[in-house]
Structures are given as structure tokens and as C-alpha cells.
């Protein structure tokens, strides 16, 4: 469903009607847009059709559509932030509850689908933590976090082919060479140390890039472009994780080539 839905046109229509006070003209195209989008946000076709007799009730429908899109987006985004924080702290039940809370009130099918997928993923991660067996259908790094929490609970890391495959996939994303990886995988202790190194590099890199982005934005907005650039240069001087290096390089290119003034 996510690949099929694009709400740009309905947002543009709402912007013209509510922000610019343009009249809502009920052309065939506008009616079709309102009917289709109404169903996408959980409003039945018959209920939507009843509102299309005049511009006033159609405007009310447009407002309700926009409200459902915006409220659902904000609700899901806030819940995801709390969910990721709880997940990374090892509180998978608390993370699951964030998605259950969304599902208890959400009526937009797209947002419900996203919450259900996240809840399914969290349930899978709980299984990984309980059994110590990685699942190739789940995202890699959260599985490492789940396995690390399993170790913290006093369990021994299972030295398995599935674990080896997971570590071989994730080590390059943390700038760990194939030779280092294969040496570590010769023993359970080495595998555990490799896992800790991968997670540590991502945790440190994430804190570094987020802090630098905040300072960069403040300096840029204050007109200090050179100071803003230096924040990204400082990241690149020490960062090894390719993802965070790429983020810093993209920000630096944007500062070196600001968009033309409108």
C-alpha cells in the first residue's frame, strides 16, 4: 500500500483552499481525488459521496482528510521515536506497546499497516533475544542489539552459522575488514567482541553525527557557514562508519553549494 499512495495532490489542494482561500471547484478530477483519498484515510465511499454535492460540505471532507493524514503521521512518528528508544534499551515489551497504542486509535489504513509491520518486527526481535538465534527476515542491526541484551541477561552467545552470517553482513557497515571479521569468528569470545565493536561504532557514530548536525544547523542559521562546515569536517576526521560519513559528506556538499535564493 505504501508504494501506491501519494498524498501530494491532496495536500496541495488543501493548501490552496485553506491557506490561500481559493474556492474549491468540484471538477470531475477534484471529485475523484477527494473520493480516492477519503477511502485511503478510512472514510467510506458512500459517506464521502454524500459530501460532494456542494463546495461547503466538500471542503469539510477535505479538512477531515487532511486532519487524518496529519494526525496519523504525527502519532505514528512520535510513537516510532519512543519505540526505537525503548527497543535499543532492551525494553521490547514497552516498544511493542507503543505500536499497540497506535493501533488502538488509528483509523488510516496506511498508518495501521506500518504499525502492524513494526509490531511484527518487534515480536521477531523478542524471539531472537529469547532463543539467541538470528532471523534473516529481520533487520540486522536491531538483531545485534537484541543479542547483546541477551548476553547482558546472562546467556551465552550461541556460536552458530546464522550468527556468523549476521556478523559478516554487519561488520562492513561498521568499517570492519573481512580479515578482522574472520579472525574474530574463530572463537565465541571473538564473535562476542566483534558484535560489541559493531554496536559501539554505530552508537558512537550516531551520537557524533546528531550532535554535529545540531551545531551545524545552529551555525548555518546564524550565518556562520565556515563554522557549520567545520562541524562536518570534524566528523569526517574521526568517523569510520560509512553511513555517518556519507551523511556528513552530503551535508558538507550542501553547505558548499547552497541552493539559489528564490
Protein backbone atom coordinates (compact mmCIF):
# COMPACT_ATOMS: atom_id res chain seq x y z
CA UNK A 1 0.00 0.00 0.00
CA UNK A 2 2.83 2.42 0.86
CA UNK A 3 4.11 2.24 -2.74
CA UNK A 4 0.70 3.13 -4.17
CA UNK A 5 -0.25 6.12 -2.00
CA UNK A 6 0.90 9.66 -2.71
CA UNK A 7 -0.84 12.47 -0.88
CA UNK A 8 0.98 15.36 -2.54
CA UNK A 9 -2.03 16.33 -4.66
CA UNK A 10 -4.46 16.37 -1.75
CA UNK A 11 -2.01 18.39 0.35
CA UNK A 12 -1.62 20.86 -2.49
CA UNK A 13 -5.39 21.16 -2.81
CA UNK A 14 -5.76 21.72 0.92
CA UNK A 15 -3.01 24.36 0.84
CA UNK A 16 -4.81 26.26 -1.91
CA UNK A 17 -8.22 26.04 -0.25
CA UNK A 18 -7.33 26.60 3.41
CA UNK A 19 -4.12 28.62 3.33
CA UNK A 20 -4.72 30.69 0.20
CA UNK A 21 -8.52 30.86 0.49
CA UNK A 22 -9.04 29.72 -3.09
CA UNK A 23 -12.50 28.34 -3.89
CA UNK A 24 -12.91 24.56 -4.01
CA UNK A 25 -14.18 23.89 -7.53
CA UNK A 26 -15.75 20.46 -7.80
CA UNK A 27 -14.45 19.31 -11.17
CA UNK A 28 -14.53 15.63 -12.09
CA UNK A 29 -10.82 15.43 -11.26
CA UNK A 30 -11.29 17.04 -7.85
CA UNK A 31 -14.22 14.75 -7.02
CA UNK A 32 -12.19 11.71 -7.99
CA UNK A 33 -9.23 12.91 -5.90
CA UNK A 34 -11.42 13.51 -2.85
CA UNK A 35 -13.19 10.16 -3.19
CA UNK A 36 -9.98 8.19 -3.63
CA UNK A 37 -8.15 9.92 -0.79
CA UNK A 38 -11.14 9.67 1.53
CA UNK A 39 -11.04 5.89 1.18
CA UNK A 40 -7.27 5.90 1.72
CA UNK A 41 -7.76 7.58 5.11
CA UNK A 42 -10.59 5.29 6.21
CA UNK A 43 -13.68 7.23 5.12
CA UNK A 44 -16.26 5.05 3.36
CA UNK A 45 -17.14 5.77 -0.25
CA UNK A 46 -20.83 6.38 0.49
CA UNK A 47 -20.04 8.81 3.30
CA UNK A 48 -17.59 10.66 1.07
CA UNK A 49 -20.00 10.82 -1.86
CA UNK A 50 -22.65 12.46 0.33
CA UNK A 51 -20.33 15.44 0.89
CA UNK A 52 -19.67 16.14 -2.78
CA UNK A 53 -22.99 17.82 -3.50
CA UNK A 54 -21.63 21.30 -2.83
CA UNK A 55 -18.36 23.11 -2.15
CA UNK A 56 -19.07 23.66 1.56
CA UNK A 57 -19.51 20.02 2.51
CA UNK A 58 -16.71 19.02 0.14
CA UNK A 59 -14.42 21.46 1.95
CA UNK A 60 -15.39 19.80 5.22
CA UNK A 61 -14.41 16.44 3.73
CA UNK A 62 -11.10 17.87 2.55
CA UNK A 63 -10.42 19.18 6.04
CA UNK A 64 -11.19 15.82 7.61
CA UNK A 65 -8.93 14.04 5.12
CA UNK A 66 -6.05 16.40 5.87
CA UNK A 67 -6.62 16.06 9.63
CA UNK A 68 -6.47 12.27 9.45
CA UNK A 69 -3.30 12.36 7.35
CA UNK A 70 -1.53 14.85 9.63
CA UNK A 71 -2.74 13.47 12.96
CA UNK A 72 -1.90 9.91 11.99
CA UNK A 73 1.53 10.88 10.71
CA UNK A 74 2.35 12.79 13.90
CA UNK A 75 1.02 9.98 16.09
CA UNK A 76 3.00 7.29 14.30
CA UNK A 77 6.20 9.37 14.13
CA UNK A 78 6.10 10.14 17.85
CA UNK A 79 5.35 6.50 18.70
CA UNK A 80 8.21 5.29 16.48
CA UNK A 81 10.69 7.58 18.23
CA UNK A 82 9.63 6.19 21.61
CA UNK A 83 9.61 2.66 20.21
CA UNK A 84 13.17 2.87 18.85
CA UNK A 85 14.42 4.33 22.12
CA UNK A 86 12.79 1.55 24.15
CA UNK A 87 13.92 -1.13 21.70
CA UNK A 88 17.53 -0.03 21.86
CA UNK A 89 17.39 -0.01 25.67
CA UNK A 90 16.19 -3.61 25.61
CA UNK A 91 12.57 -2.91 26.60
CA UNK A 92 10.93 -4.79 23.74
CA UNK A 93 7.60 -5.09 25.55
CA UNK A 94 7.49 -1.33 26.05
CA UNK A 95 8.42 -0.86 22.40
CA UNK A 96 5.61 -3.19 21.34
CA UNK A 97 3.17 -1.25 23.48
CA UNK A 98 3.91 1.92 21.54
CA UNK A 99 2.64 0.26 18.37
CA UNK A 100 -0.33 -1.31 20.16
CA UNK A 101 -1.30 2.14 21.40
CA UNK A 102 -1.22 3.43 17.82
CA UNK A 103 -3.34 0.54 16.60
CA UNK A 104 -5.88 1.14 19.37
CA UNK A 105 -6.81 4.54 17.91
CA UNK A 106 -5.51 4.79 14.34
CA UNK A 107 -8.04 4.62 11.50
CA UNK A 108 -5.87 5.40 8.47
CA UNK A 109 -5.07 2.04 6.82
CA UNK A 110 -1.57 3.07 5.72
CA UNK A 111 -0.52 4.03 9.24
CA UNK A 112 -2.13 0.91 10.67
CA UNK A 113 -0.21 -1.21 8.19
CA UNK A 114 3.08 0.45 9.16
CA UNK A 115 2.38 -0.01 12.88
CA UNK A 116 1.46 -3.66 12.34
CA UNK A 117 4.69 -4.30 10.43
CA UNK A 118 6.74 -2.69 13.19
CA UNK A 119 4.92 -4.71 15.85
CA UNK A 120 5.61 -7.88 13.87
CA UNK A 121 9.29 -6.93 13.64
CA UNK A 122 9.49 -6.27 17.38
CA UNK A 123 7.86 -9.62 18.10
CA UNK A 124 10.51 -11.25 15.93
CA UNK A 125 13.29 -9.44 17.79
CA UNK A 126 11.85 -10.68 21.07
CA UNK A 127 12.09 -14.21 19.68
CA UNK A 128 15.72 -13.61 18.67
CA UNK A 129 16.53 -12.43 22.17
CA UNK A 130 14.71 -15.35 23.77
CA UNK A 131 16.34 -18.03 21.61
CA UNK A 132 19.66 -16.47 20.62
CA UNK A 133 19.00 -17.45 17.01
CA UNK A 134 19.15 -14.69 14.36
CA UNK A 135 16.36 -14.43 11.80
CA UNK A 136 17.42 -13.43 8.26
CA UNK A 137 13.98 -11.91 7.68
CA UNK A 138 14.61 -9.25 10.35
CA UNK A 139 16.84 -6.14 10.05
CA UNK A 140 20.42 -6.88 11.01
CA UNK A 141 21.47 -4.22 13.49
CA UNK A 142 18.41 -4.46 15.76
CA UNK A 143 19.11 -8.18 15.97
CA UNK A 144 22.63 -7.45 17.21
CA UNK A 145 21.12 -5.19 19.87
CA UNK A 146 18.70 -7.95 20.89
CA UNK A 147 21.53 -10.48 21.11
CA UNK A 148 23.65 -8.06 23.14
CA UNK A 149 20.80 -7.70 25.61
CA UNK A 150 20.53 -11.49 25.77
CA UNK A 151 24.19 -11.63 26.80
CA UNK A 152 23.54 -8.97 29.44
CA UNK A 153 20.82 -11.22 30.83
CA UNK A 154 23.47 -13.87 31.48
CA UNK A 155 23.08 -16.07 28.42
CA UNK A 156 25.99 -17.40 26.41
CA UNK A 157 26.12 -16.32 22.77
CA UNK A 158 25.33 -19.31 20.54
CA UNK A 159 28.22 -19.87 18.13
CA UNK A 160 26.17 -20.71 15.01
CA UNK A 161 26.27 -20.36 11.24
CA UNK A 162 23.36 -17.89 11.47
CA UNK A 163 25.31 -15.70 13.88
CA UNK A 164 28.38 -15.86 11.66
CA UNK A 165 26.31 -14.78 8.66
CA UNK A 166 24.79 -11.89 10.62
CA UNK A 167 28.18 -10.65 11.79
CA UNK A 168 29.69 -11.00 8.31
CA UNK A 169 26.85 -8.85 6.91
CA UNK A 170 27.05 -6.15 9.55
CA UNK A 171 30.81 -5.87 10.08
CA UNK A 172 31.44 -3.99 6.79
CA UNK A 173 28.73 -1.47 7.70
CA UNK A 174 30.85 -0.61 10.75
CA UNK A 175 34.07 -0.39 8.68
CA UNK A 176 35.46 -3.68 9.99
CA UNK A 177 37.53 -5.53 7.44
CA UNK A 178 36.91 -9.06 6.24
CA UNK A 179 40.22 -10.17 7.74
CA UNK A 180 39.30 -8.74 11.17
CA UNK A 181 35.90 -10.35 10.96
CA UNK A 182 37.17 -13.80 10.05
CA UNK A 183 39.77 -13.67 12.82
CA UNK A 184 37.10 -12.75 15.36
CA UNK A 185 34.82 -15.55 14.20
CA UNK A 186 37.35 -18.19 15.15
CA UNK A 187 36.02 -18.24 18.73
CA UNK A 188 32.82 -17.41 20.62
CA UNK A 189 34.72 -14.77 22.59
CA UNK A 190 35.92 -13.17 19.38
CA UNK A 191 32.42 -13.18 17.91
CA UNK A 192 31.05 -11.51 21.01
CA UNK A 193 33.79 -8.88 20.92
CA UNK A 194 33.08 -8.27 17.23
CA UNK A 195 29.41 -7.75 17.96
CA UNK A 196 30.23 -5.26 20.71
CA UNK A 197 32.57 -3.37 18.37
CA UNK A 198 29.92 -3.10 15.64
CA UNK A 199 27.32 -1.79 18.06
CA UNK A 200 29.77 0.57 19.74
CA UNK A 201 30.81 2.14 16.45
CA UNK A 202 27.22 2.76 15.46
CA UNK A 203 26.26 4.12 18.87
CA UNK A 204 29.22 6.49 18.99
CA UNK A 205 28.76 7.50 15.36
CA UNK A 206 25.08 8.22 15.82
CA UNK A 207 25.72 10.44 18.84
CA UNK A 208 28.53 12.20 16.98
CA UNK A 209 26.57 12.94 13.81
CA UNK A 210 23.41 14.03 15.62
CA UNK A 211 25.32 16.43 17.85
CA UNK A 212 27.28 17.80 14.91
CA UNK A 213 24.13 18.24 12.81
CA UNK A 214 22.53 20.25 15.60
CA UNK A 215 25.57 22.51 15.92
CA UNK A 216 25.92 22.78 12.14
CA UNK A 217 22.30 23.88 11.77
CA UNK A 218 22.64 26.49 14.52
CA UNK A 219 25.81 27.92 12.97
CA UNK A 220 24.35 27.88 9.46
CA UNK A 221 21.22 29.68 10.60
CA UNK A 222 23.38 32.27 12.37
CA UNK A 223 25.20 32.91 9.10
CA UNK A 224 28.46 31.17 10.08
CA UNK A 225 28.85 28.86 7.09
CA UNK A 226 32.51 28.18 7.76
CA UNK A 227 31.76 27.15 11.32
CA UNK A 228 28.94 24.95 10.04
CA UNK A 229 31.28 23.29 7.53
CA UNK A 230 33.83 22.66 10.27
CA UNK A 231 31.29 20.58 12.19
CA UNK A 232 31.08 18.16 9.29
CA UNK A 233 34.84 18.21 8.73
CA UNK A 234 35.31 17.29 12.39
CA UNK A 235 33.00 14.30 11.91
CA UNK A 236 34.89 13.15 8.82
CA UNK A 237 38.21 13.45 10.65
CA UNK A 238 37.27 10.67 13.07
CA UNK A 239 34.20 8.80 11.76
CA UNK A 240 34.66 5.34 10.25
CA UNK A 241 31.06 4.14 9.82
CA UNK A 242 30.23 4.57 6.11
CA UNK A 243 26.62 5.61 6.77
CA UNK A 244 27.61 8.52 9.00
CA UNK A 245 30.50 9.52 6.75
CA UNK A 246 28.07 9.68 3.83
CA UNK A 247 25.68 11.85 5.87
CA UNK A 248 28.49 14.26 6.78
CA UNK A 249 29.75 14.41 3.19
CA UNK A 250 26.25 15.17 1.88
CA UNK A 251 25.78 17.95 4.43
CA UNK A 252 29.18 19.40 3.56
CA UNK A 253 28.34 19.41 -0.14
CA UNK A 254 25.07 21.18 0.64
CA UNK A 255 26.92 23.87 2.61
CA UNK A 256 29.46 24.30 -0.16
CA UNK A 257 26.71 24.56 -2.78
CA UNK A 258 23.75 26.34 -1.13
CA UNK A 259 20.52 26.46 -3.14
CA UNK A 260 19.95 29.67 -5.14
CA UNK A 261 17.89 32.32 -3.43
CA UNK A 262 14.30 32.37 -4.59
